[in-house]
Amino acid sequence: QMQLVESGGGLVQPGGSLRLSCAASGSIFRLYAMGWYRQAPGKQREVVATITSGGPTTYADSVKGRFTISRDNAKNTVYLQMNSLKPEDTAVYYCNTNPIVRYSWGQGTQVTVSS
C-alpha cells in the first residue's frame, strides 16, 4: 500500500508563491499518473493538476498559467509550484493517483492565501 505525505503549505499573501511536495512510499510510484487535489471549506475535493508517469501534464482552468506540476521518480516525489496565488486558492491540498484514486488520502497540507 503506497503512502502519501504532503508538505510545503503555509500562509502566504496574495501574489505569493509556494512549492508543495508529496512523498510517496513504494517503488510502484513511477508507474502511476499522479494528481494534486484540493478541498476548500464547504466544497468538494477537486483535481487541480495531473502528471502522467512519462511527464505530460494537465491543469484546471482556474490554475492554468500559475501552477506547475512536476515529478521526480527517483525520489518518489511529486511537486506543485504555485505562483500568483489568490485567496480562492485557499484549501487543503492532497496528492493521489489519477484519474483513479488508488490509495488512502494523506493528511494534506493547508494553503492559506490572505493579506
C-alpha atoms as a PDB file:
ATOM      1  CA  GLN A   1       0.000   0.000   0.000  1.00  0.00           C
ATOM      2  CA  MET A   2       1.549   3.264  -1.111  1.00  0.00           C
ATOM      3  CA  GLN A   3       1.510   6.012   1.490  1.00  0.00           C
ATOM      4  CA  LEU A   4       1.430   9.696   0.621  1.00  0.00           C
ATOM      5  CA  VAL A   5       2.795  12.564   2.716  1.00  0.00           C
ATOM      6  CA  GLU A   6       2.154  16.129   1.606  1.00  0.00           C
ATOM      7  CA  SER A   7       4.138  19.142   2.821  1.00  0.00           C
ATOM      8  CA  GLY A   8       5.036  22.708   1.970  1.00  0.00           C
ATOM      9  CA  GLY A   9       1.818  24.547   2.703  1.00  0.00           C
ATOM     10  CA  GLY A  10       1.500  27.700   4.742  1.00  0.00           C
ATOM     11  CA  LEU A  11       0.176  31.228   4.945  1.00  0.00           C
ATOM     12  CA  VAL A  12       1.058  33.476   2.027  1.00  0.00           C
ATOM     13  CA  GLN A  13      -0.076  36.873   0.799  1.00  0.00           C
ATOM     14  CA  PRO A  14      -1.952  37.240  -2.480  1.00  0.00           C
ATOM     15  CA  GLY A  15       0.517  37.166  -5.340  1.00  0.00           C
ATOM     16  CA  GLY A  16       2.937  34.993  -3.408  1.00  0.00           C
ATOM     17  CA  SER A  17       4.323  31.545  -4.149  1.00  0.00           C
ATOM     18  CA  LEU A  18       4.554  28.154  -2.503  1.00  0.00           C
ATOM     19  CA  ARG A  19       6.001  24.825  -3.519  1.00  0.00           C
ATOM     20  CA  LEU A  20       4.209  21.720  -2.332  1.00  0.00           C
ATOM     21  CA  SER A  21       5.781  18.282  -2.150  1.00  0.00           C
ATOM     22  CA  CYS A  22       4.208  14.843  -1.993  1.00  0.00           C
ATOM     23  CA  ALA A  23       6.445  11.974  -0.950  1.00  0.00           C
ATOM     24  CA  ALA A  24       5.213   8.504  -1.835  1.00  0.00           C
ATOM     25  CA  SER A  25       6.419   5.258  -0.389  1.00  0.00           C
ATOM     26  CA  GLY A  26       6.872   2.215  -2.593  1.00  0.00           C
ATOM     27  CA  SER A  27       8.603   1.538  -5.876  1.00  0.00           C
ATOM     28  CA  ILE A  28       5.386   1.491  -7.901  1.00  0.00           C
ATOM     29  CA  PHE A  29       5.087   5.284  -7.704  1.00  0.00           C
ATOM     30  CA  ARG A  30       6.744   5.685 -11.090  1.00  0.00           C
ATOM     31  CA  LEU A  31       4.072   3.555 -12.773  1.00  0.00           C
ATOM     32  CA  TYR A  32       1.161   5.841 -11.988  1.00  0.00           C
ATOM     33  CA  ALA A  33      -0.137   9.142 -13.175  1.00  0.00           C
ATOM     34  CA  MET A  34      -0.411  11.451 -10.180  1.00  0.00           C
ATOM     35  CA  GLY A  35      -2.608  14.387  -9.352  1.00  0.00           C
ATOM     36  CA  TRP A  36      -2.762  17.283  -6.946  1.00  0.00           C
ATOM     37  CA  TYR A  37      -6.214  17.802  -5.485  1.00  0.00           C
ATOM     38  CA  ARG A  38      -7.594  20.459  -3.179  1.00  0.00           C
ATOM     39  CA  GLN A  39     -10.589  20.867  -0.920  1.00  0.00           C
ATOM     40  CA  ALA A  40     -11.790  24.221   0.297  1.00  0.00           C
ATOM     41  CA  PRO A  41     -14.148  24.535   3.279  1.00  0.00           C
ATOM     42  CA  GLY A  42     -17.669  23.550   2.309  1.00  0.00           C
ATOM     43  CA  LYS A  43     -16.628  22.430  -1.170  1.00  0.00           C
ATOM     44  CA  GLN A  44     -15.944  19.120  -2.852  1.00  0.00           C
ATOM     45  CA  ARG A  45     -12.424  17.943  -3.489  1.00  0.00           C
ATOM     46  CA  GLU A  46     -11.254  18.880  -6.967  1.00  0.00           C
ATOM     47  CA  VAL A  47      -8.271  17.992  -9.088  1.00  0.00           C
ATOM     48  CA  VAL A  48      -6.049  20.946  -9.969  1.00  0.00           C
ATOM     49  CA  ALA A  49      -3.160  19.332 -11.846  1.00  0.00           C
ATOM     50  CA  THR A  50      -2.114  15.938 -13.146  1.00  0.00           C
ATOM     51  CA  ILE A  51       1.063  14.413 -14.494  1.00  0.00           C
ATOM     52  CA  THR A  52       1.471  11.084 -16.239  1.00  0.00           C
ATOM     53  CA  SER A  53       4.244   8.630 -15.489  1.00  0.00           C
ATOM     54  CA  GLY A  54       6.061   9.947 -18.559  1.00  0.00           C
ATOM     55  CA  GLY A  55       5.558  13.622 -17.854  1.00  0.00           C
ATOM     56  CA  PRO A  56       2.620  15.164 -19.806  1.00  0.00           C
ATOM     57  CA  THR A  57       0.535  17.446 -17.624  1.00  0.00           C
ATOM     58  CA  THR A  58      -2.959  18.882 -17.380  1.00  0.00           C
ATOM     59  CA  TYR A  59      -4.329  21.759 -15.311  1.00  0.00           C
ATOM     60  CA  ALA A  60      -7.681  23.002 -14.146  1.00  0.00           C
ATOM     61  CA  ASP A  61      -8.646  26.237 -15.856  1.00  0.00           C
ATOM     62  CA  SER A  62      -8.571  28.050 -12.520  1.00  0.00           C
ATOM     63  CA  VAL A  63      -4.828  27.421 -12.051  1.00  0.00           C
ATOM     64  CA  LYS A  64      -3.567  27.260 -15.634  1.00  0.00           C
ATOM     65  CA  GLY A  65      -0.568  29.520 -16.151  1.00  0.00           C
ATOM     66  CA  ARG A  66       0.020  29.876 -12.396  1.00  0.00           C
ATOM     67  CA  PHE A  67       0.656  26.322 -11.144  1.00  0.00           C
ATOM     68  CA  THR A  68       3.223  23.803 -12.401  1.00  0.00           C
ATOM     69  CA  ILE A  69       3.193  20.109 -11.536  1.00  0.00           C
ATOM     70  CA  SER A  70       6.349  18.023 -11.811  1.00  0.00           C
ATOM     71  CA  ARG A  71       7.684  14.734 -10.544  1.00  0.00           C
ATOM     72  CA  ASP A  72      10.979  13.093  -9.649  1.00  0.00           C
ATOM     73  CA  ASN A  73      10.538   9.338  -9.990  1.00  0.00           C
ATOM     74  CA  ALA A  74      13.959   8.683  -8.460  1.00  0.00           C
ATOM     75  CA  LYS A  75      12.786  10.413  -5.287  1.00  0.00           C
ATOM     76  CA  ASN A  76       9.200   9.121  -5.423  1.00  0.00           C
ATOM     77  CA  THR A  77       8.037  12.715  -5.159  1.00  0.00           C
ATOM     78  CA  VAL A  78       5.578  14.920  -6.998  1.00  0.00           C
ATOM     79  CA  TYR A  79       5.675  18.711  -6.686  1.00  0.00           C
ATOM     80  CA  LEU A  80       3.289  21.593  -7.214  1.00  0.00           C
ATOM     81  CA  GLN A  81       4.807  25.017  -7.785  1.00  0.00           C
ATOM     82  CA  MET A  82       2.145  27.626  -7.122  1.00  0.00           C
ATOM     83  CA  ASN A  83       2.713  31.212  -8.232  1.00  0.00           C
ATOM     84  CA  SER A  84       0.496  34.295  -8.255  1.00  0.00           C
ATOM     85  CA  LEU A  85      -1.601  32.813  -5.503  1.00  0.00           C
ATOM     86  CA  LYS A  86      -5.120  34.101  -4.960  1.00  0.00           C
ATOM     87  CA  PRO A  87      -7.415  33.960  -1.925  1.00  0.00           C
ATOM     88  CA  GLU A  88      -9.579  31.446  -3.792  1.00  0.00           C
ATOM     89  CA  ASP A  89      -6.624  29.036  -3.816  1.00  0.00           C
ATOM     90  CA  THR A  90      -7.056  28.620  -0.065  1.00  0.00           C
ATOM     91  CA  ALA A  91      -7.656  24.924   0.608  1.00  0.00           C
ATOM     92  CA  VAL A  92      -6.133  21.733   1.903  1.00  0.00           C
ATOM     93  CA  TYR A  93      -4.015  20.227  -0.867  1.00  0.00           C
ATOM     94  CA  TYR A  94      -3.617  16.493  -1.364  1.00  0.00           C
ATOM     95  CA  CYS A  95      -1.908  14.212  -3.847  1.00  0.00           C
ATOM     96  CA  ASN A  96      -3.021  10.810  -5.086  1.00  0.00           C
ATOM     97  CA  THR A  97      -3.037   8.730  -8.217  1.00  0.00           C
ATOM     98  CA  ASN A  98      -5.092   9.942 -11.138  1.00  0.00           C
ATOM     99  CA  PRO A  99      -7.628   9.514 -12.626  1.00  0.00           C
ATOM    100  CA  ILE A 100      -8.385   6.605 -10.317  1.00  0.00           C
ATOM    101  CA  VAL A 101      -7.727   7.335  -6.647  1.00  0.00           C
ATOM    102  CA  ARG A 102      -5.985   4.166  -5.604  1.00  0.00           C
ATOM    103  CA  TYR A 103      -4.686   4.976  -2.148  1.00  0.00           C
ATOM    104  CA  SER A 104      -5.832   6.348   1.156  1.00  0.00           C
ATOM    105  CA  TRP A 105      -5.690  10.116   1.363  1.00  0.00           C
ATOM    106  CA  GLY A 106      -2.804  11.617   3.299  1.00  0.00           C
ATOM    107  CA  GLN A 107      -3.234  14.369   5.851  1.00  0.00           C
ATOM    108  CA  GLY A 108      -2.882  17.039   3.203  1.00  0.00           C
ATOM    109  CA  THR A 109      -1.154  20.389   3.552  1.00  0.00           C
ATOM    110  CA  GLN A 110      -3.020  23.605   4.295  1.00  0.00           C
ATOM    111  CA  VAL A 111      -2.553  26.548   1.950  1.00  0.00           C
ATOM    112  CA  THR A 112      -3.975  29.863   3.104  1.00  0.00           C
ATOM    113  CA  VAL A 113      -3.781  32.929   0.881  1.00  0.00           C
ATOM    114  CA  SER A 114      -4.626  36.054   2.796  1.00  0.00           C
ATOM    115  CA  SER A 115      -3.370  39.547   3.435  1.00  0.00           C
END
